[in-house]
Amino acid sequence: MKRIFFIILGCVGLIMSVVGAIVPLLPAFPFVVLTAFSFSKSSDKLHNWFLGTKLYKNNFESFVKGKGMRFPTKIKIIISITITMSIGFYMMDRMPIGRAILSVIWIGHIIYFIFFVKTIKKEELDLTYRY
């Protein structure tokens, strides 16, 4: 039962990550993470297949290997975090403490992606995939 749950969750994550890659305002990155996690918990075959997809390689592989992310991927993540947290910020109009906490978390995410996640060039990424 647990295996079936994770397969279904992984498929939903995969569909949402594909939609997120196409639709500008929908973030793909969290759904790629969800898909990778779910498939790793459910099926080695699905997990290995997903790790070989272009969607995973373009959005997540270099980060997992500790090499960093491409600049466009970082920008997409920062934009999606900003949009998501802006919605939460707007909905907390009567909760100043909640807004303050959300603001600190947002600033932490921005600082993390700008200063602590290495930006790699497309050429470096291409060399990584050849070997």
Protein backbone atom coordinates (compact mmCIF):
# COMPACT_ATOMS: atom_id res chain seq x y z
CA MET A 1 0.00 0.00 0.00
CA LYS A 2 2.85 2.38 0.90
CA ARG A 3 4.61 1.62 -2.39
CA ILE A 4 1.46 2.40 -4.41
CA PHE A 5 1.00 5.67 -2.50
CA PHE A 6 4.54 6.79 -3.38
CA ILE A 7 4.15 5.77 -7.03
CA ILE A 8 0.95 7.82 -7.30
CA LEU A 9 2.56 10.75 -5.46
CA GLY A 10 5.58 10.54 -7.77
CA CYS A 11 3.38 10.54 -10.87
CA VAL A 12 1.45 13.56 -9.59
CA GLY A 13 4.76 15.31 -8.88
CA LEU A 14 6.02 14.43 -12.35
CA ILE A 15 2.91 15.84 -14.03
CA MET A 16 3.09 19.01 -11.95
CA SER A 17 6.81 19.44 -12.66
CA VAL A 18 6.19 19.16 -16.40
CA VAL A 19 3.38 21.71 -16.11
CA GLY A 20 5.65 23.89 -13.99
CA ALA A 21 8.36 23.74 -16.64
CA ILE A 22 5.85 25.06 -19.19
CA VAL A 23 3.78 27.54 -17.15
CA PRO A 24 5.91 30.50 -16.03
CA LEU A 25 4.25 31.14 -12.64
CA LEU A 26 4.10 27.53 -11.48
CA PRO A 27 7.36 26.36 -9.92
CA ALA A 28 8.79 23.09 -11.25
CA PHE A 29 11.60 22.62 -8.74
CA PRO A 30 9.54 21.50 -5.70
CA PHE A 31 7.69 19.00 -7.85
CA VAL A 32 10.95 17.62 -9.23
CA VAL A 33 12.07 17.10 -5.63
CA LEU A 34 8.74 15.46 -4.79
CA THR A 35 9.00 13.14 -7.79
CA ALA A 36 12.59 12.13 -7.05
CA PHE A 37 11.77 11.46 -3.40
CA SER A 38 8.58 9.53 -4.14
CA PHE A 39 10.10 7.37 -6.85
CA SER A 40 13.11 6.61 -4.63
CA LYS A 41 10.73 5.33 -1.95
CA SER A 42 8.59 3.27 -4.34
CA SER A 43 10.53 1.77 -7.23
CA ASP A 44 14.18 1.55 -8.26
CA LYS A 45 13.12 1.27 -11.89
CA LEU A 46 11.02 4.46 -11.79
CA HIS A 47 13.67 6.28 -9.76
CA ASN A 48 16.46 5.38 -12.20
CA TRP A 49 14.26 6.32 -15.15
CA PHE A 50 13.49 9.71 -13.58
CA LEU A 51 17.16 10.40 -12.85
CA GLY A 52 17.82 9.99 -16.57
CA THR A 53 15.16 12.48 -17.71
CA LYS A 54 16.03 15.88 -19.08
CA LEU A 55 13.70 17.49 -16.56
CA TYR A 56 15.75 16.12 -13.65
CA LYS A 57 19.11 16.80 -15.27
CA ASN A 58 18.26 20.41 -16.10
CA ASN A 59 16.76 21.31 -12.74
CA PHE A 60 18.29 19.20 -10.05
CA GLU A 61 21.18 16.88 -10.90
CA SER A 62 24.04 19.37 -10.65
CA PHE A 63 22.69 20.63 -7.32
CA VAL A 64 22.47 17.10 -5.89
CA LYS A 65 26.04 16.40 -6.96
CA GLY A 66 27.16 19.53 -5.13
CA LYS A 67 28.26 21.38 -8.23
CA GLY A 68 25.65 24.14 -8.10
CA MET A 69 22.90 25.30 -10.41
CA ARG A 70 22.61 27.08 -13.69
CA PHE A 71 21.65 30.75 -13.42
CA PRO A 72 18.20 30.34 -15.09
CA THR A 73 17.33 27.54 -12.66
CA LYS A 74 18.30 29.69 -9.69
CA ILE A 75 16.20 32.58 -11.01
CA LYS A 76 13.17 30.29 -11.51
CA ILE A 77 13.49 29.02 -7.95
CA ILE A 78 13.87 32.51 -6.50
CA ILE A 79 10.84 33.73 -8.47
CA SER A 80 8.70 30.77 -7.44
CA ILE A 81 9.69 31.19 -3.77
CA THR A 82 8.92 34.89 -3.97
CA ILE A 83 5.49 34.34 -5.55
CA THR A 84 4.57 31.58 -3.11
CA MET A 85 5.65 33.56 -0.07
CA SER A 86 3.97 36.72 -1.39
CA ILE A 87 0.66 34.87 -1.42
CA GLY A 88 1.23 33.80 2.18
CA PHE A 89 2.33 37.31 3.12
CA TYR A 90 -0.84 38.76 1.58
CA MET A 91 -3.06 36.24 3.37
CA MET A 92 -1.48 37.13 6.75
CA ASP A 93 -2.63 40.74 6.65
CA ARG A 94 -3.77 40.62 10.29
CA MET A 95 -0.81 38.63 11.58
CA PRO A 96 2.26 40.89 11.75
CA ILE A 97 4.35 38.23 13.52
CA GLY A 98 3.54 35.71 10.77
CA ARG A 99 4.50 38.27 8.15
CA ALA A 100 7.77 38.98 9.95
CA ILE A 101 8.62 35.27 10.16
CA LEU A 102 7.73 34.74 6.50
CA SER A 103 9.88 37.75 5.54
CA VAL A 104 12.89 36.37 7.43
CA ILE A 105 12.45 32.97 5.76
CA TRP A 106 12.15 34.63 2.33
CA ILE A 107 15.30 36.69 2.89
CA GLY A 108 17.10 33.53 4.07
CA HIS A 109 16.12 31.71 0.87
CA ILE A 110 17.29 34.59 -1.30
CA ILE A 111 20.63 34.84 0.53
CA TYR A 112 21.11 31.07 0.34
CA PHE A 113 20.53 30.85 -3.42
CA ILE A 114 22.55 33.95 -4.25
CA PHE A 115 25.58 33.39 -2.01
CA PHE A 116 25.73 29.71 -1.09
CA VAL A 117 24.56 27.83 -4.19
CA LYS A 118 27.29 27.98 -6.79
CA THR A 119 26.25 29.26 -10.21
CA ILE A 120 27.58 27.04 -12.98
CA LYS A 121 27.85 27.86 -16.63
CA LYS A 122 26.21 25.78 -19.35
CA GLU A 123 29.66 24.74 -20.60
CA GLU A 124 30.55 23.28 -17.18
CA LEU A 125 27.27 21.40 -17.13
CA ASP A 126 27.87 19.96 -20.61
CA LEU A 127 31.32 18.72 -19.57
CA THR A 128 29.79 17.06 -16.53
CA TYR A 129 27.37 15.04 -18.65
CA ARG A 130 30.00 13.84 -21.12
CA TYR A 131 32.05 11.95 -18.58
